[in-house]
């Protein structure tokens, strides 16, 4: 006779006890500012991907919210585009993964992604691009707002 706590394919798992603490992922899903902050990492990745595609097409356009690291890679590795595209893939993939972890309520993802994006803003500032730095600052404020909202919600909910 099967135990009532085990689930079988096609059956519904047992409901969570009402007094059980929420998981970090559940808290994150229920905190709009945390979700919005986490989604910025995906925007960064997507806009950087478009920048890489435009570079490949030799178009003279880019998004200011994209990564300066990837644009710098294309400038440095003009003679070896494969290296530049590998750097693009690394940063774009990293921001997708950080966004995913932030969506799951992992506070470290906000800190890591925000720190890398801050360094990216400093690279842009070094090369005299003030407008992208302003956009980076605005995005960093939304990421910080998401981080703060998540931490507050986790403390309030007593999440595990």
C-alpha atoms as a PDB file:
ATOM      1  CA  UNK A   1       0.000   0.000   0.000  1.00  0.00           C
ATOM      2  CA  UNK A   2       1.545   3.325  -1.016  1.00  0.00           C
ATOM      3  CA  UNK A   3       2.295   5.933   1.624  1.00  0.00           C
ATOM      4  CA  UNK A   4      -0.011   8.957   1.481  1.00  0.00           C
ATOM      5  CA  UNK A   5       3.035  11.276   1.454  1.00  0.00           C
ATOM      6  CA  UNK A   6       4.553   9.853  -1.713  1.00  0.00           C
ATOM      7  CA  UNK A   7       3.467  11.042  -5.105  1.00  0.00           C
ATOM      8  CA  UNK A   8       3.061   9.047  -8.237  1.00  0.00           C
ATOM      9  CA  UNK A   9       3.069  10.299 -11.792  1.00  0.00           C
ATOM     10  CA  UNK A  10      -0.168  12.083 -12.535  1.00  0.00           C
ATOM     11  CA  UNK A  11      -1.042  12.711  -8.884  1.00  0.00           C
ATOM     12  CA  UNK A  12      -0.986  15.961  -6.972  1.00  0.00           C
ATOM     13  CA  UNK A  13       1.754  16.354  -4.370  1.00  0.00           C
ATOM     14  CA  UNK A  14       0.621  16.896  -0.789  1.00  0.00           C
ATOM     15  CA  UNK A  15      -0.194  20.487   0.116  1.00  0.00           C
ATOM     16  CA  UNK A  16       2.340  22.494   2.074  1.00  0.00           C
ATOM     17  CA  UNK A  17       1.435  22.895   5.725  1.00  0.00           C
ATOM     18  CA  UNK A  18      -0.028  26.321   6.488  1.00  0.00           C
ATOM     19  CA  UNK A  19       2.527  26.935   9.247  1.00  0.00           C
ATOM     20  CA  UNK A  20       5.523  25.877   7.122  1.00  0.00           C
ATOM     21  CA  UNK A  21       7.858  28.744   6.214  1.00  0.00           C
ATOM     22  CA  UNK A  22       7.912  29.856   2.598  1.00  0.00           C
ATOM     23  CA  UNK A  23      10.917  29.066   0.458  1.00  0.00           C
ATOM     24  CA  UNK A  24      13.049  31.891  -0.901  1.00  0.00           C
ATOM     25  CA  UNK A  25      11.683  31.197  -4.388  1.00  0.00           C
ATOM     26  CA  UNK A  26       8.080  31.506  -3.162  1.00  0.00           C
ATOM     27  CA  UNK A  27       8.867  34.776  -1.399  1.00  0.00           C
ATOM     28  CA  UNK A  28      10.638  36.133  -4.488  1.00  0.00           C
ATOM     29  CA  UNK A  29       7.672  35.265  -6.723  1.00  0.00           C
ATOM     30  CA  UNK A  30       5.348  37.125  -4.349  1.00  0.00           C
ATOM     31  CA  UNK A  31       7.529  40.262  -4.194  1.00  0.00           C
ATOM     32  CA  UNK A  32       6.975  42.403  -7.314  1.00  0.00           C
ATOM     33  CA  UNK A  33      10.036  44.634  -6.796  1.00  0.00           C
ATOM     34  CA  UNK A  34      12.264  41.556  -6.433  1.00  0.00           C
ATOM     35  CA  UNK A  35      10.880  40.083  -9.656  1.00  0.00           C
ATOM     36  CA  UNK A  36      11.337  43.377 -11.500  1.00  0.00           C
ATOM     37  CA  UNK A  37      14.896  43.758 -10.213  1.00  0.00           C
ATOM     38  CA  UNK A  38      15.768  40.224 -11.281  1.00  0.00           C
ATOM     39  CA  UNK A  39      14.342  40.725 -14.763  1.00  0.00           C
ATOM     40  CA  UNK A  40      16.792  43.541 -15.400  1.00  0.00           C
ATOM     41  CA  UNK A  41      19.549  40.930 -15.669  1.00  0.00           C
ATOM     42  CA  UNK A  42      17.656  39.357 -18.561  1.00  0.00           C
ATOM     43  CA  UNK A  43      17.225  42.763 -20.200  1.00  0.00           C
ATOM     44  CA  UNK A  44      20.977  43.328 -19.936  1.00  0.00           C
ATOM     45  CA  UNK A  45      21.641  39.927 -21.499  1.00  0.00           C
ATOM     46  CA  UNK A  46      19.089  40.432 -24.269  1.00  0.00           C
ATOM     47  CA  UNK A  47      20.285  43.908 -25.213  1.00  0.00           C
ATOM     48  CA  UNK A  48      23.889  42.713 -25.177  1.00  0.00           C
ATOM     49  CA  UNK A  49      22.884  39.848 -27.466  1.00  0.00           C
ATOM     50  CA  UNK A  50      21.317  42.355 -29.864  1.00  0.00           C
ATOM     51  CA  UNK A  51      24.498  44.441 -29.715  1.00  0.00           C
ATOM     52  CA  UNK A  52      26.549  41.358 -30.620  1.00  0.00           C
ATOM     53  CA  UNK A  53      24.190  40.563 -33.500  1.00  0.00           C
ATOM     54  CA  UNK A  54      24.418  44.121 -34.781  1.00  0.00           C
ATOM     55  CA  UNK A  55      28.195  43.964 -34.535  1.00  0.00           C
ATOM     56  CA  UNK A  56      28.174  40.739 -36.545  1.00  0.00           C
ATOM     57  CA  UNK A  57      25.975  42.432 -39.159  1.00  0.00           C
ATOM     58  CA  UNK A  58      28.367  45.408 -39.155  1.00  0.00           C
ATOM     59  CA  UNK A  59      25.488  47.724 -38.287  1.00  0.00           C
ATOM     60  CA  UNK A  60      26.330  51.045 -36.729  1.00  0.00           C
ATOM     61  CA  UNK A  61      23.894  50.762 -33.809  1.00  0.00           C
ATOM     62  CA  UNK A  62      23.863  49.572 -30.216  1.00  0.00           C
ATOM     63  CA  UNK A  63      21.824  49.662 -27.032  1.00  0.00           C
ATOM     64  CA  UNK A  64      23.224  51.799 -24.244  1.00  0.00           C
ATOM     65  CA  UNK A  65      21.988  49.302 -21.657  1.00  0.00           C
ATOM     66  CA  UNK A  66      24.124  46.550 -23.134  1.00  0.00           C
ATOM     67  CA  UNK A  67      27.484  45.617 -21.706  1.00  0.00           C
ATOM     68  CA  UNK A  68      30.580  47.747 -22.257  1.00  0.00           C
ATOM     69  CA  UNK A  69      32.644  44.589 -21.638  1.00  0.00           C
ATOM     70  CA  UNK A  70      31.319  42.991 -24.797  1.00  0.00           C
ATOM     71  CA  UNK A  71      31.768  46.156 -26.861  1.00  0.00           C
ATOM     72  CA  UNK A  72      35.324  46.454 -25.559  1.00  0.00           C
ATOM     73  CA  UNK A  73      35.968  42.821 -26.482  1.00  0.00           C
ATOM     74  CA  UNK A  74      34.961  43.521 -30.076  1.00  0.00           C
ATOM     75  CA  UNK A  75      37.257  46.545 -30.199  1.00  0.00           C
ATOM     76  CA  UNK A  76      40.223  44.663 -28.728  1.00  0.00           C
ATOM     77  CA  UNK A  77      39.743  41.456 -30.722  1.00  0.00           C
ATOM     78  CA  UNK A  78      38.908  42.940 -34.125  1.00  0.00           C
ATOM     79  CA  UNK A  79      41.249  40.505 -35.823  1.00  0.00           C
ATOM     80  CA  UNK A  80      39.871  37.515 -33.924  1.00  0.00           C
ATOM     81  CA  UNK A  81      36.100  37.859 -33.756  1.00  0.00           C
ATOM     82  CA  UNK A  82      35.759  34.346 -32.336  1.00  0.00           C
ATOM     83  CA  UNK A  83      37.330  35.460 -29.063  1.00  0.00           C
ATOM     84  CA  UNK A  84      35.044  38.504 -28.921  1.00  0.00           C
ATOM     85  CA  UNK A  85      31.972  36.322 -29.494  1.00  0.00           C
ATOM     86  CA  UNK A  86      33.151  33.883 -26.812  1.00  0.00           C
ATOM     87  CA  UNK A  87      33.383  36.817 -24.386  1.00  0.00           C
ATOM     88  CA  UNK A  88      29.895  37.897 -25.496  1.00  0.00           C
ATOM     89  CA  UNK A  89      28.568  34.393 -24.840  1.00  0.00           C
ATOM     90  CA  UNK A  90      30.195  34.264 -21.409  1.00  0.00           C
ATOM     91  CA  UNK A  91      28.750  37.572 -20.219  1.00  0.00           C
ATOM     92  CA  UNK A  92      25.340  37.084 -21.812  1.00  0.00           C
ATOM     93  CA  UNK A  93      25.038  33.561 -20.409  1.00  0.00           C
ATOM     94  CA  UNK A  94      26.205  34.742 -16.997  1.00  0.00           C
ATOM     95  CA  UNK A  95      23.552  37.452 -16.851  1.00  0.00           C
ATOM     96  CA  UNK A  96      20.866  34.976 -17.907  1.00  0.00           C
ATOM     97  CA  UNK A  97      21.918  32.610 -15.110  1.00  0.00           C
ATOM     98  CA  UNK A  98      22.176  35.414 -12.550  1.00  0.00           C
ATOM     99  CA  UNK A  99      18.690  36.577 -13.546  1.00  0.00           C
ATOM    100  CA  UNK A 100      17.383  33.045 -13.108  1.00  0.00           C
ATOM    101  CA  UNK A 101      18.937  32.725  -9.648  1.00  0.00           C
ATOM    102  CA  UNK A 102      17.615  36.148  -8.633  1.00  0.00           C
ATOM    103  CA  UNK A 103      14.130  35.064  -9.754  1.00  0.00           C
ATOM    104  CA  UNK A 104      14.533  32.051  -7.443  1.00  0.00           C
ATOM    105  CA  UNK A 105      15.122  34.365  -4.474  1.00  0.00           C
ATOM    106  CA  UNK A 106      18.893  34.089  -4.269  1.00  0.00           C
ATOM    107  CA  UNK A 107      20.107  37.415  -2.855  1.00  0.00           C
ATOM    108  CA  UNK A 108      23.717  36.709  -3.838  1.00  0.00           C
ATOM    109  CA  UNK A 109      22.671  36.853  -7.493  1.00  0.00           C
ATOM    110  CA  UNK A 110      21.601  40.485  -7.140  1.00  0.00           C
ATOM    111  CA  UNK A 111      24.910  41.332  -5.484  1.00  0.00           C
ATOM    112  CA  UNK A 112      27.052  39.473  -8.026  1.00  0.00           C
ATOM    113  CA  UNK A 113      25.140  40.695 -11.087  1.00  0.00           C
ATOM    114  CA  UNK A 114      24.911  44.234  -9.764  1.00  0.00           C
ATOM    115  CA  UNK A 115      28.631  44.255  -8.959  1.00  0.00           C
ATOM    116  CA  UNK A 116      29.572  43.093 -12.448  1.00  0.00           C
ATOM    117  CA  UNK A 117      27.204  45.647 -13.977  1.00  0.00           C
ATOM    118  CA  UNK A 118      28.738  48.386 -11.802  1.00  0.00           C
ATOM    119  CA  UNK A 119      32.212  47.391 -13.044  1.00  0.00           C
ATOM    120  CA  UNK A 120      30.828  47.496 -16.565  1.00  0.00           C
ATOM    121  CA  UNK A 121      29.607  51.061 -15.931  1.00  0.00           C
ATOM    122  CA  UNK A 122      33.085  52.026 -14.742  1.00  0.00           C
ATOM    123  CA  UNK A 123      34.580  50.588 -17.939  1.00  0.00           C
ATOM    124  CA  UNK A 124      32.137  52.683 -19.945  1.00  0.00           C
ATOM    125  CA  UNK A 125      33.036  55.756 -17.908  1.00  0.00           C
ATOM    126  CA  UNK A 126      36.750  55.117 -18.493  1.00  0.00           C
ATOM    127  CA  UNK A 127      36.162  55.222 -22.229  1.00  0.00           C
ATOM    128  CA  UNK A 128      34.154  58.445 -22.082  1.00  0.00           C
ATOM    129  CA  UNK A 129      30.616  57.184 -22.549  1.00  0.00           C
ATOM    130  CA  UNK A 130      28.520  59.204 -20.054  1.00  0.00           C
ATOM    131  CA  UNK A 131      25.053  58.356 -21.417  1.00  0.00           C
ATOM    132  CA  UNK A 132      25.465  54.579 -21.017  1.00  0.00           C
ATOM    133  CA  UNK A 133      26.811  55.169 -17.509  1.00  0.00           C
ATOM    134  CA  UNK A 134      23.630  57.087 -16.618  1.00  0.00           C
ATOM    135  CA  UNK A 135      21.515  54.206 -17.953  1.00  0.00           C
ATOM    136  CA  UNK A 136      23.661  51.743 -15.998  1.00  0.00           C
ATOM    137  CA  UNK A 137      23.017  53.814 -12.864  1.00  0.00           C
ATOM    138  CA  UNK A 138      19.254  53.700 -13.360  1.00  0.00           C
ATOM    139  CA  UNK A 139      19.319  49.937 -13.919  1.00  0.00           C
ATOM    140  CA  UNK A 140      21.518  49.480 -10.848  1.00  0.00           C
ATOM    141  CA  UNK A 141      18.935  51.375  -8.797  1.00  0.00           C
ATOM    142  CA  UNK A 142      16.219  48.950  -9.919  1.00  0.00           C
ATOM    143  CA  UNK A 143      18.472  45.968  -9.161  1.00  0.00           C
ATOM    144  CA  UNK A 144      19.260  47.393  -5.707  1.00  0.00           C
ATOM    145  CA  UNK A 145      15.543  48.021  -5.119  1.00  0.00           C
ATOM    146  CA  UNK A 146      14.849  44.365  -5.995  1.00  0.00           C
ATOM    147  CA  UNK A 147      17.599  43.159  -3.676  1.00  0.00           C
ATOM    148  CA  UNK A 148      16.300  45.297  -0.822  1.00  0.00           C
ATOM    149  CA  UNK A 149      12.693  44.188  -1.379  1.00  0.00           C
ATOM    150  CA  UNK A 150      13.724  40.527  -1.468  1.00  0.00           C
ATOM    151  CA  UNK A 151      15.725  40.782   1.749  1.00  0.00           C
ATOM    152  CA  UNK A 152      12.891  42.574   3.522  1.00  0.00           C
ATOM    153  CA  UNK A 153      10.349  40.009   2.296  1.00  0.00           C
ATOM    154  CA  UNK A 154      12.578  37.100   3.307  1.00  0.00           C
ATOM    155  CA  UNK A 155      12.957  38.505   6.830  1.00  0.00           C
ATOM    156  CA  UNK A 156       9.240  39.189   7.119  1.00  0.00           C
ATOM    157  CA  UNK A 157       8.242  35.748   5.857  1.00  0.00           C
ATOM    158  CA  UNK A 158      10.852  33.859   7.855  1.00  0.00           C
ATOM    159  CA  UNK A 159      11.742  32.034   4.641  1.00  0.00           C
ATOM    160  CA  UNK A 160      14.046  29.069   4.595  1.00  0.00           C
END
